[in-house]
Amino acid sequence: MQVAKTFTIVVENVNEAPINTTVTSTLGQQSFPDNAPKVNENTPVGKTVGTLQALDHDEVQNLTFSLDDDANGKFTAGSQVTCHNITNIPGVKTKCTTLLQVSGELNFELSPSEDILVRVTDASGLFHVQPFQVAILDVNDQPSNITLAGGDTAFIHENVNNGYVGDLATTDEDANQTHKYSLINNGGWKFILKNNKIYSSVSANLDYERKSEYTIGVRSTDNGIPRLSFDKTFTVQVSSASLVQLFTYHM
């Protein structure tokens, strides 16, 4: 004689680790596909790259975000996390979001991309770790220095009108940049600019005994978009003709 009996198996809910961490362009400065974040170089600290989103099978979860690898301090996960229950994704009950933000200097010329590792942790300590590569986009950098005759000080003999003082050169982090110069202080019309070179003017009449030193100001503007400029002040020292003649005689 056979006996049949029905049993009920109760499946108990247990806490599960968060799943499926993504980064979207929501609230970021650039539009990008999910999980392909982009941000401009030189972006100020505190600005948003995009929105981090994490899902969890369990209801009523308060997830936290942190970076196991923050690219040497260049990125951080925001401290404000928003969590709510959802029903539009099968098997998923909780969605939490926070911001991915810039926290250090981003320099395309030094590194065109940075790798980060995002950890999402639930209240029980279970976690999910997801790697992302953040693309750093090149933008125009401001010129960082100007030299005159190779330095900050140049020299010219007195009584030399239309005399060559020195070449101008610009230091710029961007490759293949050209620079246009302008005189923003010509030393009281004593100096002129021609073809990226500084000369004494045709009516300078420099006199060592009257004035042995002049200050001029130069602006270098690059051809990037947008155009950026750098200003610098130089010293032009006037040499005494008698001292030059004396030195030449003894040579």
Protein backbone atom coordinates (compact mmCIF):
# COMPACT_ATOMS: atom_id res chain seq x y z
CA MET A 1 0.00 0.00 0.00
CA GLN A 2 1.46 3.34 -1.03
CA VAL A 3 1.00 6.55 0.90
CA ALA A 4 1.36 10.01 -0.73
CA LYS A 5 1.97 13.14 1.29
CA THR A 6 2.54 16.75 0.37
CA PHE A 7 5.21 18.79 2.12
CA THR A 8 5.73 22.54 2.17
CA ILE A 9 9.30 23.79 1.84
CA VAL A 10 9.76 27.27 3.22
CA VAL A 11 12.46 29.34 1.55
CA GLU A 12 13.77 31.82 4.08
CA ASN A 13 15.10 35.13 2.96
CA VAL A 14 18.76 35.76 3.75
CA ASN A 15 20.78 38.86 3.15
CA GLU A 16 22.61 38.98 -0.17
CA ALA A 17 25.48 41.14 -1.33
CA PRO A 18 24.80 44.19 -3.53
CA ILE A 19 24.95 43.64 -7.27
CA ASN A 20 25.54 45.43 -10.56
CA THR A 21 27.30 48.69 -9.70
CA THR A 22 27.27 51.15 -12.63
CA VAL A 23 28.36 54.72 -13.29
CA THR A 24 26.17 56.95 -15.46
CA SER A 25 26.66 60.44 -16.85
CA THR A 26 23.78 61.82 -14.75
CA LEU A 27 24.81 65.18 -13.21
CA GLY A 28 28.28 64.92 -14.79
CA GLN A 29 30.00 67.46 -17.05
CA GLN A 30 30.27 65.03 -19.99
CA SER A 31 27.78 62.72 -21.68
CA PHE A 32 29.03 59.14 -21.83
CA PRO A 33 27.68 55.57 -22.12
CA ASP A 34 27.09 53.74 -18.87
CA ASN A 35 30.33 52.48 -17.28
CA ALA A 36 32.54 54.58 -19.59
CA PRO A 37 33.05 57.74 -17.48
CA LYS A 38 34.73 60.84 -18.93
CA VAL A 39 35.91 64.04 -17.29
CA ASN A 40 37.93 67.07 -18.41
CA GLU A 41 41.47 67.53 -17.20
CA ASN A 42 41.95 70.42 -14.74
CA THR A 43 38.40 69.88 -13.40
CA PRO A 44 38.19 71.55 -9.95
CA VAL A 45 38.01 69.41 -6.83
CA GLY A 46 34.42 68.68 -5.82
CA LYS A 47 32.98 68.65 -9.33
CA THR A 48 30.93 65.63 -10.42
CA VAL A 49 32.09 63.01 -12.93
CA GLY A 50 28.80 61.10 -12.90
CA THR A 51 26.42 59.11 -10.72
CA LEU A 52 27.25 55.77 -9.12
CA GLN A 53 24.31 53.36 -8.91
CA ALA A 54 24.12 50.04 -7.06
CA LEU A 55 21.35 47.44 -6.97
CA ASP A 56 20.46 44.87 -4.30
CA HIS A 57 18.15 41.85 -4.26
CA ASP A 58 17.03 42.71 -0.71
CA GLU A 59 14.46 45.28 0.35
CA VAL A 60 15.05 48.28 2.61
CA GLN A 61 18.81 48.35 2.20
CA ASN A 62 21.03 51.31 3.02
CA LEU A 63 24.13 50.80 0.92
CA THR A 64 27.38 52.73 1.31
CA PHE A 65 29.92 53.58 -1.41
CA SER A 66 33.69 53.80 -1.11
CA LEU A 67 36.71 53.57 -3.42
CA ASP A 68 39.19 50.77 -2.83
CA ASP A 69 41.34 52.43 -5.51
CA ASP A 70 40.86 56.19 -5.86
CA ALA A 71 43.64 56.74 -8.47
CA ASN A 72 45.99 58.20 -5.85
CA GLY A 73 43.38 60.53 -4.40
CA LYS A 74 41.99 61.85 -7.68
CA PHE A 75 38.41 60.61 -7.13
CA THR A 76 35.98 60.03 -4.29
CA ALA A 77 32.49 58.69 -3.73
CA GLY A 78 30.04 61.28 -2.42
CA SER A 79 28.97 61.10 1.22
CA GLN A 80 25.28 61.59 0.46
CA VAL A 81 23.62 58.33 -0.60
CA THR A 82 20.01 58.02 -1.73
CA CYS A 83 18.31 54.61 -1.45
CA HIS A 84 14.76 53.52 -2.31
CA ASN A 85 12.84 50.35 -3.03
CA ILE A 86 12.09 49.53 -6.67
CA THR A 87 9.86 47.02 -8.49
CA ASN A 88 10.67 47.66 -12.14
CA ILE A 89 13.72 45.35 -12.30
CA PRO A 90 13.00 41.62 -11.80
CA GLY A 91 14.66 40.24 -8.68
CA VAL A 92 15.89 43.66 -7.55
CA LYS A 93 14.33 45.42 -4.59
CA THR A 94 16.71 48.29 -3.72
CA LYS A 95 18.55 50.95 -5.73
CA CYS A 96 21.06 53.36 -4.18
CA THR A 97 22.94 56.23 -5.81
CA THR A 98 25.69 58.69 -4.97
CA LEU A 99 28.02 60.98 -6.90
CA LEU A 100 31.46 60.15 -8.26
CA GLN A 101 33.47 63.32 -7.68
CA VAL A 102 36.89 64.76 -8.47
CA SER A 103 39.17 65.04 -5.43
CA GLY A 104 42.62 65.65 -6.95
CA GLU A 105 44.49 67.06 -9.94
CA LEU A 106 43.64 65.57 -13.34
CA ASN A 107 46.27 66.03 -16.05
CA PHE A 108 45.76 64.54 -19.51
CA GLU A 109 49.41 65.08 -20.46
CA LEU A 110 50.54 62.96 -17.48
CA SER A 111 47.79 60.33 -17.63
CA PRO A 112 44.94 60.17 -20.21
CA SER A 113 42.97 57.70 -18.08
CA GLU A 114 42.67 56.66 -14.44
CA ASP A 115 41.52 53.35 -12.94
CA ILE A 116 39.25 53.26 -9.89
CA LEU A 117 37.69 50.45 -7.85
CA VAL A 118 34.24 51.07 -6.34
CA ARG A 119 33.06 49.09 -3.29
CA VAL A 120 29.37 48.99 -2.36
CA THR A 121 28.61 47.60 1.12
CA ASP A 122 25.31 46.75 2.81
CA ALA A 123 24.47 47.04 6.50
CA SER A 124 25.55 43.44 7.14
CA GLY A 125 28.99 44.00 5.66
CA LEU A 126 28.42 42.16 2.41
CA PHE A 127 29.88 43.98 -0.56
CA HIS A 128 30.33 44.16 -4.31
CA VAL A 129 33.46 45.59 -5.96
CA GLN A 130 33.46 46.98 -9.50
CA PRO A 131 36.39 48.43 -11.52
CA PHE A 132 36.00 51.44 -13.82
CA GLN A 133 38.37 53.33 -16.09
CA VAL A 134 37.84 57.10 -16.17
CA ALA A 135 38.91 58.78 -19.41
CA ILE A 136 40.63 62.15 -18.88
CA LEU A 137 39.84 64.53 -21.74
CA ASP A 138 42.42 66.99 -23.04
CA VAL A 139 41.59 70.69 -22.72
CA ASN A 140 43.69 73.76 -23.43
CA ASP A 141 46.21 74.52 -20.68
CA GLN A 142 47.41 78.01 -19.84
CA PRO A 143 51.04 78.78 -20.74
CA SER A 144 53.15 78.45 -17.59
CA ASN A 145 56.21 80.62 -18.24
CA ILE A 146 57.94 83.07 -20.60
CA THR A 147 61.66 83.66 -20.93
CA LEU A 148 63.54 86.59 -22.49
CA ALA A 149 67.03 85.79 -23.76
CA GLY A 150 66.71 82.49 -21.93
CA GLY A 151 65.88 83.93 -18.52
CA ASP A 152 64.18 86.66 -16.52
CA THR A 153 66.82 89.36 -17.12
CA ALA A 154 68.26 90.65 -20.40
CA PHE A 155 71.04 93.13 -21.23
CA ILE A 156 71.72 95.87 -23.80
CA HIS A 157 74.44 98.49 -24.21
CA GLU A 158 73.60 102.14 -23.75
CA ASN A 159 73.28 104.40 -26.82
CA VAL A 160 72.12 101.48 -28.99
CA ASN A 161 68.84 102.29 -30.70
CA ASN A 162 66.95 99.49 -32.42
CA GLY A 163 69.30 97.11 -30.64
CA TYR A 164 68.56 93.43 -30.13
CA VAL A 165 67.69 92.49 -26.52
CA GLY A 166 66.63 88.86 -26.81
CA ASP A 167 64.21 86.23 -28.07
CA LEU A 168 60.96 85.38 -26.28
CA ALA A 169 60.04 81.74 -25.59
CA THR A 170 57.00 80.22 -23.90
CA THR A 171 56.63 77.09 -21.81
CA ASP A 172 53.30 75.34 -22.44
CA GLU A 173 52.17 71.89 -21.35
CA ASP A 174 50.14 71.39 -24.53
CA ALA A 175 51.91 69.97 -27.55
CA ASN A 176 51.96 71.75 -30.93
CA GLN A 177 50.91 75.13 -29.55
CA THR A 178 51.90 78.44 -31.13
CA HIS A 179 52.07 81.67 -29.14
CA LYS A 180 51.50 85.31 -29.96
CA TYR A 181 53.33 87.94 -27.92
CA SER A 182 52.38 91.48 -26.97
CA LEU A 183 54.06 94.15 -24.87
CA ILE A 184 51.85 95.21 -21.97
CA ASN A 185 54.60 97.45 -20.56
CA ASN A 186 57.21 98.84 -22.96
CA GLY A 187 59.38 100.55 -20.35
CA GLY A 188 58.20 104.03 -21.28
CA TRP A 189 58.46 103.47 -25.05
CA LYS A 190 62.08 102.35 -24.72
CA PHE A 191 61.44 98.85 -26.10
CA ILE A 192 59.51 97.29 -28.96
CA LEU A 193 58.45 93.81 -30.06
CA LYS A 194 59.27 92.43 -33.52
CA ASN A 195 58.85 88.81 -34.60
CA ASN A 196 58.93 87.38 -31.06
CA LYS A 197 62.06 89.39 -30.28
CA ILE A 198 62.58 92.43 -28.04
CA TYR A 199 64.57 95.43 -29.33
CA SER A 200 65.30 98.88 -28.03
CA SER A 201 63.19 101.43 -29.90
CA VAL A 202 64.60 103.67 -32.62
CA SER A 203 64.37 106.61 -30.21
CA ALA A 204 65.30 104.78 -26.98
CA ASN A 205 68.54 106.76 -26.40
CA LEU A 206 69.39 104.55 -23.44
CA ASP A 207 71.77 106.29 -21.03
CA TYR A 208 73.39 104.18 -18.34
CA GLU A 209 74.13 107.23 -16.17
CA ARG A 210 70.48 108.29 -16.20
CA LYS A 211 68.88 104.87 -15.84
CA SER A 212 70.58 101.50 -15.75
CA GLU A 213 67.55 99.25 -15.47
CA TYR A 214 64.10 99.00 -17.08
CA THR A 215 61.05 96.85 -16.46
CA ILE A 216 58.96 95.54 -19.32
CA GLY A 217 55.85 93.35 -19.36
CA VAL A 218 55.12 90.62 -21.91
CA ARG A 219 51.95 88.65 -22.58
CA SER A 220 52.02 85.26 -24.35
CA THR A 221 48.69 84.02 -25.79
CA ASP A 222 48.31 80.48 -27.11
CA ASN A 223 46.24 79.30 -30.07
CA GLY A 224 44.13 76.83 -28.10
CA ILE A 225 40.36 76.86 -27.59
CA PRO A 226 39.68 78.95 -25.66
CA ARG A 227 42.82 81.03 -26.08
CA LEU A 228 44.72 81.41 -22.80
CA SER A 229 47.51 83.83 -21.90
CA PHE A 230 50.32 84.28 -19.40
CA ASP A 231 51.87 87.59 -18.31
CA LYS A 232 55.40 88.11 -17.04
CA THR A 233 57.61 91.05 -16.05
CA PHE A 234 61.25 91.19 -17.16
CA THR A 235 64.24 93.32 -16.22
CA VAL A 236 66.39 94.85 -18.97
CA GLN A 237 69.74 96.08 -17.68
CA VAL A 238 71.65 98.79 -19.54
CA SER A 239 75.43 98.40 -19.74
CA SER A 240 77.77 101.39 -19.64
CA ALA A 241 79.56 102.05 -22.93
CA SER A 242 82.68 103.21 -21.08
CA LEU A 243 82.84 99.96 -19.11
CA VAL A 244 82.46 97.98 -22.32
CA GLN A 245 85.26 99.97 -23.97
CA LEU A 246 87.51 99.55 -20.93
CA PHE A 247 86.94 95.83 -20.86
CA THR A 248 87.58 95.57 -24.61
CA TYR A 249 90.83 97.63 -24.28
CA HIS A 250 92.24 95.37 -21.56
CA MET A 251 91.38 92.26 -23.57
